[in-house]
PDB file of N, CA and C in Angstrom:
ATOM      1  N   UNK A   1     -25.123  62.082   3.942  1.00  0.00           N
ATOM      2  CA  UNK A   1     -25.322  61.043   3.308  1.00  0.00           C
ATOM      3  C   UNK A   1     -24.737  60.332   2.060  1.00  0.00           C
ATOM      4  N   UNK A   2     -23.659  61.234   1.561  1.00  0.00           N
ATOM      5  CA  UNK A   2     -23.021  60.645   0.368  1.00  0.00           C
ATOM      6  C   UNK A   2     -21.766  59.874   1.557  1.00  0.00           C
ATOM      7  N   UNK A   3     -21.525  60.328   2.776  1.00  0.00           N
ATOM      8  CA  UNK A   3     -20.270  59.827   3.738  1.00  0.00           C
ATOM      9  C   UNK A   3     -21.244  58.318   3.842  1.00  0.00           C
ATOM     10  N   UNK A   4     -22.089  58.494   4.081  1.00  0.00           N
ATOM     11  CA  UNK A   4     -23.240  57.084   4.793  1.00  0.00           C
ATOM     12  C   UNK A   4     -22.869  56.677   3.553  1.00  0.00           C
ATOM     13  N   UNK A   5     -23.344  56.750   2.473  1.00  0.00           N
ATOM     14  CA  UNK A   5     -23.268  55.684   1.357  1.00  0.00           C
ATOM     15  C   UNK A   5     -21.863  54.935   1.304  1.00  0.00           C
ATOM     16  N   UNK A   6     -20.787  56.150   1.139  1.00  0.00           N
ATOM     17  CA  UNK A   6     -19.337  55.817   1.129  1.00  0.00           C
ATOM     18  C   UNK A   6     -19.300  54.516   2.036  1.00  0.00           C
ATOM     19  N   UNK A   7     -19.208  54.984   3.348  1.00  0.00           N
ATOM     20  CA  UNK A   7     -19.225  53.805   4.376  1.00  0.00           C
ATOM     21  C   UNK A   7     -19.720  52.477   4.246  1.00  0.00           C
ATOM     22  N   UNK A   8     -21.096  52.595   3.751  1.00  0.00           N
ATOM     23  CA  UNK A   8     -21.513  51.278   3.510  1.00  0.00           C
ATOM     24  C   UNK A   8     -21.081  50.555   2.242  1.00  0.00           C
ATOM     25  N   UNK A   9     -20.660  51.564   1.103  1.00  0.00           N
ATOM     26  CA  UNK A   9     -19.804  50.837   0.057  1.00  0.00           C
ATOM     27  C   UNK A   9     -18.254  49.841   0.518  1.00  0.00           C
ATOM     28  N   UNK A  10     -17.738  50.746   1.386  1.00  0.00           N
ATOM     29  CA  UNK A  10     -16.603  50.623   1.746  1.00  0.00           C
ATOM     30  C   UNK A  10     -16.681  49.125   2.779  1.00  0.00           C
ATOM     31  N   UNK A  11     -17.761  49.016   3.488  1.00  0.00           N
ATOM     32  CA  UNK A  11     -18.046  47.695   4.363  1.00  0.00           C
ATOM     33  C   UNK A  11     -18.206  46.573   3.288  1.00  0.00           C
ATOM     34  N   UNK A  12     -19.148  47.100   2.150  1.00  0.00           N
ATOM     35  CA  UNK A  12     -19.587  46.144   1.383  1.00  0.00           C
ATOM     36  C   UNK A  12     -18.079  45.375   0.709  1.00  0.00           C
ATOM     37  N   UNK A  13     -17.445  46.556   0.379  1.00  0.00           N
ATOM     38  CA  UNK A  13     -16.267  45.977  -0.871  1.00  0.00           C
ATOM     39  C   UNK A  13     -15.110  44.946   0.415  1.00  0.00           C
ATOM     40  N   UNK A  14     -15.233  45.519   1.640  1.00  0.00           N
ATOM     41  CA  UNK A  14     -14.091  44.984   2.871  1.00  0.00           C
ATOM     42  C   UNK A  14     -14.748  43.388   2.976  1.00  0.00           C
ATOM     43  N   UNK A  15     -16.088  43.144   2.970  1.00  0.00           N
ATOM     44  CA  UNK A  15     -16.947  41.935   2.850  1.00  0.00           C
ATOM     45  C   UNK A  15     -16.655  41.260   1.789  1.00  0.00           C
ATOM     46  N   UNK A  16     -16.659  41.651   0.445  1.00  0.00           N
ATOM     47  CA  UNK A  16     -16.471  41.033  -0.632  1.00  0.00           C
ATOM     48  C   UNK A  16     -15.107  40.528  -0.556  1.00  0.00           C
ATOM     49  N   UNK A  17     -13.784  41.552  -0.347  1.00  0.00           N
ATOM     50  CA  UNK A  17     -12.419  40.964  -0.271  1.00  0.00           C
ATOM     51  C   UNK A  17     -12.366  39.727   0.630  1.00  0.00           C
ATOM     52  N   UNK A  18     -12.684  39.588   1.657  1.00  0.00           N
ATOM     53  CA  UNK A  18     -12.899  38.355   2.836  1.00  0.00           C
ATOM     54  C   UNK A  18     -13.368  37.291   1.962  1.00  0.00           C
ATOM     55  N   UNK A  19     -14.554  37.437   1.269  1.00  0.00           N
ATOM     56  CA  UNK A  19     -15.214  36.502   0.358  1.00  0.00           C
ATOM     57  C   UNK A  19     -14.397  36.017  -0.425  1.00  0.00           C
ATOM     58  N   UNK A  20     -13.738  36.912  -1.263  1.00  0.00           N
ATOM     59  CA  UNK A  20     -13.261  36.471  -2.231  1.00  0.00           C
ATOM     60  C   UNK A  20     -11.661  35.998  -1.476  1.00  0.00           C
ATOM     61  N   UNK A  21     -11.304  36.477  -0.463  1.00  0.00           N
ATOM     62  CA  UNK A  21     -10.146  35.348   0.112  1.00  0.00           C
ATOM     63  C   UNK A  21     -10.446  33.880   0.738  1.00  0.00           C
ATOM     64  N   UNK A  22     -11.751  34.070   1.303  1.00  0.00           N
ATOM     65  CA  UNK A  22     -12.300  32.652   1.757  1.00  0.00           C
ATOM     66  C   UNK A  22     -12.396  31.741   0.468  1.00  0.00           C
ATOM     67  N   UNK A  23     -12.827  31.975  -0.683  1.00  0.00           N
ATOM     68  CA  UNK A  23     -13.039  30.922  -1.841  1.00  0.00           C
ATOM     69  C   UNK A  23     -11.778  30.888  -2.450  1.00  0.00           C
ATOM     70  N   UNK A  24     -10.578  31.476  -2.296  1.00  0.00           N
ATOM     71  CA  UNK A  24      -9.320  31.091  -2.784  1.00  0.00           C
ATOM     72  C   UNK A  24      -8.952  30.426  -1.627  1.00  0.00           C
ATOM     73  N   UNK A  25      -9.030  30.223  -0.507  1.00  0.00           N
ATOM     74  CA  UNK A  25      -8.639  29.267   0.342  1.00  0.00           C
ATOM     75  C   UNK A  25      -9.411  27.818   0.622  1.00  0.00           C
ATOM     76  N   UNK A  26     -10.714  28.023   0.017  1.00  0.00           N
ATOM     77  CA  UNK A  26     -11.291  26.939  -0.230  1.00  0.00           C
ATOM     78  C   UNK A  26     -10.640  25.907  -1.390  1.00  0.00           C
ATOM     79  N   UNK A  27     -10.500  26.817  -2.706  1.00  0.00           N
ATOM     80  CA  UNK A  27      -9.658  26.230  -3.585  1.00  0.00           C
ATOM     81  C   UNK A  27      -8.282  25.490  -3.530  1.00  0.00           C
ATOM     82  N   UNK A  28      -7.619  26.720  -2.686  1.00  0.00           N
ATOM     83  CA  UNK A  28      -6.424  25.881  -2.227  1.00  0.00           C
ATOM     84  C   UNK A  28      -6.403  24.659  -1.298  1.00  0.00           C
ATOM     85  N   UNK A  29      -7.535  24.494  -0.436  1.00  0.00           N
ATOM     86  CA  UNK A  29      -7.846  23.164   0.007  1.00  0.00           C
ATOM     87  C   UNK A  29      -8.331  22.249  -0.739  1.00  0.00           C
ATOM     88  N   UNK A  30      -9.135  22.220  -1.401  1.00  0.00           N
ATOM     89  CA  UNK A  30      -9.933  21.476  -2.099  1.00  0.00           C
ATOM     90  C   UNK A  30      -8.742  20.780  -3.346  1.00  0.00           C
ATOM     91  N   UNK A  31      -7.635  21.751  -3.701  1.00  0.00           N
ATOM     92  CA  UNK A  31      -6.682  21.115  -4.750  1.00  0.00           C
ATOM     93  C   UNK A  31      -5.611  19.963  -3.808  1.00  0.00           C
ATOM     94  N   UNK A  32      -5.675  20.674  -2.543  1.00  0.00           N
ATOM     95  CA  UNK A  32      -4.419  19.664  -1.928  1.00  0.00           C
ATOM     96  C   UNK A  32      -5.533  18.426  -1.469  1.00  0.00           C
ATOM     97  N   UNK A  33      -6.656  18.456  -0.922  1.00  0.00           N
ATOM     98  CA  UNK A  33      -7.355  16.918  -1.051  1.00  0.00           C
ATOM     99  C   UNK A  33      -7.580  16.209  -2.233  1.00  0.00           C
ATOM    100  N   UNK A  34      -7.638  16.820  -3.388  1.00  0.00           N
ATOM    101  CA  UNK A  34      -7.618  16.462  -4.701  1.00  0.00           C
ATOM    102  C   UNK A  34      -6.265  15.544  -4.445  1.00  0.00           C
ATOM    103  N   UNK A  35      -5.262  16.224  -4.309  1.00  0.00           N
ATOM    104  CA  UNK A  35      -4.099  15.498  -4.473  1.00  0.00           C
ATOM    105  C   UNK A  35      -3.958  14.090  -3.199  1.00  0.00           C
ATOM    106  N   UNK A  36      -4.241  14.701  -2.477  1.00  0.00           N
ATOM    107  CA  UNK A  36      -4.113  13.340  -1.317  1.00  0.00           C
ATOM    108  C   UNK A  36      -4.869  12.232  -1.699  1.00  0.00           C
ATOM    109  N   UNK A  37      -6.365  12.557  -2.203  1.00  0.00           N
ATOM    110  CA  UNK A  37      -6.895  11.342  -2.914  1.00  0.00           C
ATOM    111  C   UNK A  37      -6.375  10.817  -4.011  1.00  0.00           C
ATOM    112  N   UNK A  38      -5.671  10.992  -4.556  1.00  0.00           N
ATOM    113  CA  UNK A  38      -4.732  10.606  -6.103  1.00  0.00           C
ATOM    114  C   UNK A  38      -3.733   9.880  -5.520  1.00  0.00           C
ATOM    115  N   UNK A  39      -2.780  10.183  -4.314  1.00  0.00           N
ATOM    116  CA  UNK A  39      -1.771  10.009  -3.514  1.00  0.00           C
ATOM    117  C   UNK A  39      -2.355   7.928  -3.190  1.00  0.00           C
ATOM    118  N   UNK A  40      -3.609   8.436  -2.389  1.00  0.00           N
ATOM    119  CA  UNK A  40      -4.115   7.446  -1.987  1.00  0.00           C
ATOM    120  C   UNK A  40      -4.389   6.482  -2.674  1.00  0.00           C
ATOM    121  N   UNK A  41      -5.185   6.714  -3.725  1.00  0.00           N
ATOM    122  CA  UNK A  41      -5.176   5.724  -4.875  1.00  0.00           C
ATOM    123  C   UNK A  41      -4.151   4.982  -5.149  1.00  0.00           C
ATOM    124  N   UNK A  42      -3.075   5.763  -5.536  1.00  0.00           N
ATOM    125  CA  UNK A  42      -2.169   5.177  -6.101  1.00  0.00           C
ATOM    126  C   UNK A  42      -1.226   4.382  -5.113  1.00  0.00           C
ATOM    127  N   UNK A  43      -1.922   4.609  -3.392  1.00  0.00           N
ATOM    128  CA  UNK A  43      -1.399   3.516  -2.397  1.00  0.00           C
ATOM    129  C   UNK A  43      -1.942   2.376  -2.397  1.00  0.00           C
ATOM    130  N   UNK A  44      -3.084   2.516  -3.118  1.00  0.00           N
ATOM    131  CA  UNK A  44      -4.502   1.518  -3.082  1.00  0.00           C
ATOM    132  C   UNK A  44      -3.871   0.197  -3.723  1.00  0.00           C
ATOM    133  N   UNK A  45      -3.724   0.977  -5.232  1.00  0.00           N
ATOM    134  CA  UNK A  45      -3.491   0.187  -6.418  1.00  0.00           C
ATOM    135  C   UNK A  45      -2.112  -0.505  -6.020  1.00  0.00           C
ATOM    136  N   UNK A  46      -0.880  -0.024  -5.350  1.00  0.00           N
ATOM    137  CA  UNK A  46       0.541  -0.586  -5.170  1.00  0.00           C
ATOM    138  C   UNK A  46       0.008  -1.403  -4.047  1.00  0.00           C
ATOM    139  N   UNK A  47      -1.002  -1.286  -3.331  1.00  0.00           N
ATOM    140  CA  UNK A  47      -1.114  -2.179  -1.775  1.00  0.00           C
ATOM    141  C   UNK A  47      -1.910  -3.388  -2.710  1.00  0.00           C
ATOM    142  N   UNK A  48      -2.615  -3.391  -3.516  1.00  0.00           N
ATOM    143  CA  UNK A  48      -2.982  -4.413  -4.276  1.00  0.00           C
ATOM    144  C   UNK A  48      -2.483  -5.546  -4.838  1.00  0.00           C
ATOM    145  N   UNK A  49      -1.173  -4.873  -5.700  1.00  0.00           N
ATOM    146  CA  UNK A  49      -0.295  -5.517  -6.357  1.00  0.00           C
ATOM    147  C   UNK A  49       0.435  -6.250  -5.426  1.00  0.00           C
ATOM    148  N   UNK A  50       0.799  -5.501  -4.257  1.00  0.00           N
ATOM    149  CA  UNK A  50       1.536  -6.547  -3.512  1.00  0.00           C
ATOM    150  C   UNK A  50       0.820  -7.486  -2.744  1.00  0.00           C
ATOM    151  N   UNK A  51      -0.379  -7.224  -2.475  1.00  0.00           N
ATOM    152  CA  UNK A  51      -1.389  -8.486  -2.114  1.00  0.00           C
ATOM    153  C   UNK A  51      -1.102  -9.404  -3.215  1.00  0.00           C
ATOM    154  N   UNK A  52      -1.422  -8.893  -4.527  1.00  0.00           N
ATOM    155  CA  UNK A  52      -1.745 -10.305  -5.072  1.00  0.00           C
ATOM    156  C   UNK A  52      -0.044 -11.026  -5.454  1.00  0.00           C
ATOM    157  N   UNK A  53       1.016 -10.423  -5.066  1.00  0.00           N
ATOM    158  CA  UNK A  53       2.291 -11.029  -5.307  1.00  0.00           C
ATOM    159  C   UNK A  53       2.756 -11.795  -4.414  1.00  0.00           C
ATOM    160  N   UNK A  54       2.019 -11.510  -2.729  1.00  0.00           N
ATOM    161  CA  UNK A  54       1.935 -12.484  -1.655  1.00  0.00           C
ATOM    162  C   UNK A  54       1.514 -13.686  -1.832  1.00  0.00           C
ATOM    163  N   UNK A  55       0.252 -13.334  -2.662  1.00  0.00           N
ATOM    164  CA  UNK A  55      -0.485 -14.574  -2.467  1.00  0.00           C
ATOM    165  C   UNK A  55       0.258 -15.846  -3.689  1.00  0.00           C
ATOM    166  N   UNK A  56       0.931 -14.926  -4.992  1.00  0.00           N
ATOM    167  CA  UNK A  56       1.545 -15.816  -5.430  1.00  0.00           C
ATOM    168  C   UNK A  56       3.028 -16.786  -4.523  1.00  0.00           C
ATOM    169  N   UNK A  57       3.622 -15.755  -4.057  1.00  0.00           N
ATOM    170  CA  UNK A  57       4.557 -16.296  -3.410  1.00  0.00           C
ATOM    171  C   UNK A  57       4.163 -17.408  -2.486  1.00  0.00           C
ATOM    172  N   UNK A  58       2.978 -17.437  -1.913  1.00  0.00           N
ATOM    173  CA  UNK A  58       2.459 -18.142  -0.775  1.00  0.00           C
ATOM    174  C   UNK A  58       2.242 -19.665  -1.475  1.00  0.00           C
ATOM    175  N   UNK A  59       1.336 -19.448  -2.857  1.00  0.00           N
ATOM    176  CA  UNK A  59       1.223 -21.000  -3.353  1.00  0.00           C
ATOM    177  C   UNK A  59       2.679 -21.339  -3.868  1.00  0.00           C
ATOM    178  N   UNK A  60       3.464 -20.601  -4.377  1.00  0.00           N
ATOM    179  CA  UNK A  60       4.784 -21.157  -4.875  1.00  0.00           C
ATOM    180  C   UNK A  60       5.336 -21.770  -3.287  1.00  0.00           C
ATOM    181  N   UNK A  61       5.235 -21.098  -2.354  1.00  0.00           N
ATOM    182  CA  UNK A  61       5.912 -21.763  -0.912  1.00  0.00           C
ATOM    183  C   UNK A  61       5.156 -22.903  -0.682  1.00  0.00           C
ATOM    184  N   UNK A  62       4.062 -23.223  -0.960  1.00  0.00           N
ATOM    185  CA  UNK A  62       3.150 -24.222  -0.575  1.00  0.00           C
ATOM    186  C   UNK A  62       3.728 -25.541  -1.731  1.00  0.00           C
ATOM    187  N   UNK A  63       3.992 -25.285  -2.825  1.00  0.00           N
ATOM    188  CA  UNK A  63       4.284 -26.139  -3.503  1.00  0.00           C
ATOM    189  C   UNK A  63       5.594 -26.767  -3.721  1.00  0.00           C
ATOM    190  N   UNK A  64       6.533 -25.833  -3.058  1.00  0.00           N
ATOM    191  CA  UNK A  64       7.956 -26.181  -2.911  1.00  0.00           C
ATOM    192  C   UNK A  64       8.233 -26.760  -1.574  1.00  0.00           C
ATOM    193  N   UNK A  65       7.218 -26.525  -0.604  1.00  0.00           N
ATOM    194  CA  UNK A  65       7.301 -27.158   0.481  1.00  0.00           C
ATOM    195  C   UNK A  65       6.874 -28.941   0.325  1.00  0.00           C
ATOM    196  N   UNK A  66       6.071 -29.165  -0.377  1.00  0.00           N
ATOM    197  CA  UNK A  66       5.597 -30.288  -1.096  1.00  0.00           C
ATOM    198  C   UNK A  66       6.603 -31.144  -1.509  1.00  0.00           C
ATOM    199  N   UNK A  67       7.428 -30.703  -2.100  1.00  0.00           N
ATOM    200  CA  UNK A  67       8.541 -31.300  -3.362  1.00  0.00           C
ATOM    201  C   UNK A  67       9.758 -31.337  -2.420  1.00  0.00           C
ATOM    202  N   UNK A  68       9.824 -30.658  -1.308  1.00  0.00           N
ATOM    203  CA  UNK A  68      11.465 -30.320  -0.563  1.00  0.00           C
ATOM    204  C   UNK A  68      10.937 -31.679   0.785  1.00  0.00           C
ATOM    205  N   UNK A  69       9.718 -31.578   0.947  1.00  0.00           N
ATOM    206  CA  UNK A  69       9.361 -32.580   2.042  1.00  0.00           C
ATOM    207  C   UNK A  69       9.588 -34.189   1.789  1.00  0.00           C
ATOM    208  N   UNK A  70       9.111 -34.403   0.449  1.00  0.00           N
ATOM    209  CA  UNK A  70       9.473 -35.763  -0.555  1.00  0.00           C
ATOM    210  C   UNK A  70      10.610 -35.645  -0.554  1.00  0.00           C
ATOM    211  N   UNK A  71      11.506 -34.650  -0.915  1.00  0.00           N
ATOM    212  CA  UNK A  71      13.055 -34.996  -1.169  1.00  0.00           C
ATOM    213  C   UNK A  71      13.425 -35.202  -0.254  1.00  0.00           C
ATOM    214  N   UNK A  72      13.050 -34.599   1.045  1.00  0.00           N
ATOM    215  CA  UNK A  72      13.891 -34.867   2.135  1.00  0.00           C
ATOM    216  C   UNK A  72      13.839 -36.131   2.981  1.00  0.00           C
ATOM    217  N   UNK A  73      12.430 -36.867   2.634  1.00  0.00           N
ATOM    218  CA  UNK A  73      12.312 -38.206   3.012  1.00  0.00           C
ATOM    219  C   UNK A  73      13.023 -39.160   2.348  1.00  0.00           C
ATOM    220  N   UNK A  74      12.713 -38.696   1.093  1.00  0.00           N
ATOM    221  CA  UNK A  74      14.061 -39.767   0.033  1.00  0.00           C
ATOM    222  C   UNK A  74      15.237 -39.497   0.252  1.00  0.00           C
ATOM    223  N   UNK A  75      15.790 -38.363   0.884  1.00  0.00           N
ATOM    224  CA  UNK A  75      17.137 -38.294   1.204  1.00  0.00           C
ATOM    225  C   UNK A  75      17.373 -39.367   2.395  1.00  0.00           C
ATOM    226  N   UNK A  76      16.201 -38.966   3.481  1.00  0.00           N
ATOM    227  CA  UNK A  76      16.738 -39.816   4.657  1.00  0.00           C
ATOM    228  C   UNK A  76      16.465 -41.447   4.750  1.00  0.00           C
ATOM    229  N   UNK A  77      15.897 -42.069   3.489  1.00  0.00           N
ATOM    230  CA  UNK A  77      15.902 -43.273   3.435  1.00  0.00           C
ATOM    231  C   UNK A  77      16.805 -43.595   2.655  1.00  0.00           C
ATOM    232  N   UNK A  78      17.189 -42.817   1.885  1.00  0.00           N
ATOM    233  CA  UNK A  78      18.983 -43.469   0.854  1.00  0.00           C
ATOM    234  C   UNK A  78      20.071 -43.609   2.089  1.00  0.00           C
ATOM    235  N   UNK A  79      19.825 -42.310   3.030  1.00  0.00           N
ATOM    236  CA  UNK A  79      20.988 -41.929   3.609  1.00  0.00           C
ATOM    237  C   UNK A  79      20.810 -43.333   4.756  1.00  0.00           C
ATOM    238  N   UNK A  80      20.118 -43.666   5.507  1.00  0.00           N
ATOM    239  CA  UNK A  80      19.488 -44.983   6.204  1.00  0.00           C
ATOM    240  C   UNK A  80      19.651 -46.054   5.883  1.00  0.00           C
ATOM    241  N   UNK A  81      19.859 -46.026   4.563  1.00  0.00           N
ATOM    242  CA  UNK A  81      19.955 -47.681   3.696  1.00  0.00           C
ATOM    243  C   UNK A  81      21.148 -47.708   3.518  1.00  0.00           C
ATOM    244  N   UNK A  82      22.151 -46.536   3.140  1.00  0.00           N
ATOM    245  CA  UNK A  82      23.694 -46.446   3.092  1.00  0.00           C
ATOM    246  C   UNK A  82      24.219 -46.644   4.510  1.00  0.00           C
ATOM    247  N   UNK A  83      23.652 -46.605   5.578  1.00  0.00           N
ATOM    248  CA  UNK A  83      24.347 -46.655   7.088  1.00  0.00           C
ATOM    249  C   UNK A  83      23.849 -48.165   6.958  1.00  0.00           C
ATOM    250  N   UNK A  84      22.847 -48.861   6.944  1.00  0.00           N
ATOM    251  CA  UNK A  84      22.531 -49.932   7.353  1.00  0.00           C
ATOM    252  C   UNK A  84      23.768 -50.916   6.335  1.00  0.00           C
ATOM    253  N   UNK A  85      23.820 -50.443   5.377  1.00  0.00           N
ATOM    254  CA  UNK A  85      24.555 -51.552   4.257  1.00  0.00           C
ATOM    255  C   UNK A  85      25.749 -51.136   4.913  1.00  0.00           C
ATOM    256  N   UNK A  86      26.322 -50.151   4.961  1.00  0.00           N
ATOM    257  CA  UNK A  86      27.810 -49.923   5.762  1.00  0.00           C
ATOM    258  C   UNK A  86      28.249 -50.879   7.096  1.00  0.00           C
ATOM    259  N   UNK A  87      26.976 -50.558   8.236  1.00  0.00           N
ATOM    260  CA  UNK A  87      26.946 -51.484   9.222  1.00  0.00           C
ATOM    261  C   UNK A  87      26.944 -52.887   8.953  1.00  0.00           C
ATOM    262  N   UNK A  88      25.823 -53.537   8.048  1.00  0.00           N
ATOM    263  CA  UNK A  88      25.806 -54.827   7.715  1.00  0.00           C
ATOM    264  C   UNK A  88      27.316 -55.354   6.870  1.00  0.00           C
ATOM    265  N   UNK A  89      28.064 -54.514   6.132  1.00  0.00           N
ATOM    266  CA  UNK A  89      29.320 -54.846   5.923  1.00  0.00           C
ATOM    267  C   UNK A  89      30.264 -55.117   6.764  1.00  0.00           C
ATOM    268  N   UNK A  90      30.426 -54.242   7.505  1.00  0.00           N
ATOM    269  CA  UNK A  90      31.235 -54.241   8.690  1.00  0.00           C
ATOM    270  C   UNK A  90      31.153 -55.479  10.247  1.00  0.00           C
ATOM    271  N   UNK A  91      29.953 -55.898   9.967  1.00  0.00           N
ATOM    272  CA  UNK A  91      29.278 -56.765  10.848  1.00  0.00           C
ATOM    273  C   UNK A  91      30.194 -57.854  10.859  1.00  0.00           C
TER     274      UNK A  91
END
């Protein structure tokens, strides 16, 4: 009878050890998941900042495109007038 009880206690101890190992493994996995989620949050924040910067650059590019377009038109008008004046004097 004592051997029977001893065997059952040994089985219970081994099962408790397995459960303890499983709990430790779950805790490690939970730490890894937490770390990955924190990194994911950091990447999302960085992506949001990059999107804001891209929008700002796009707005600046649109403004510069208008001013460059007007400057280019003025340049060609002045250039054409200079060529016309030169051609008129050599006529």
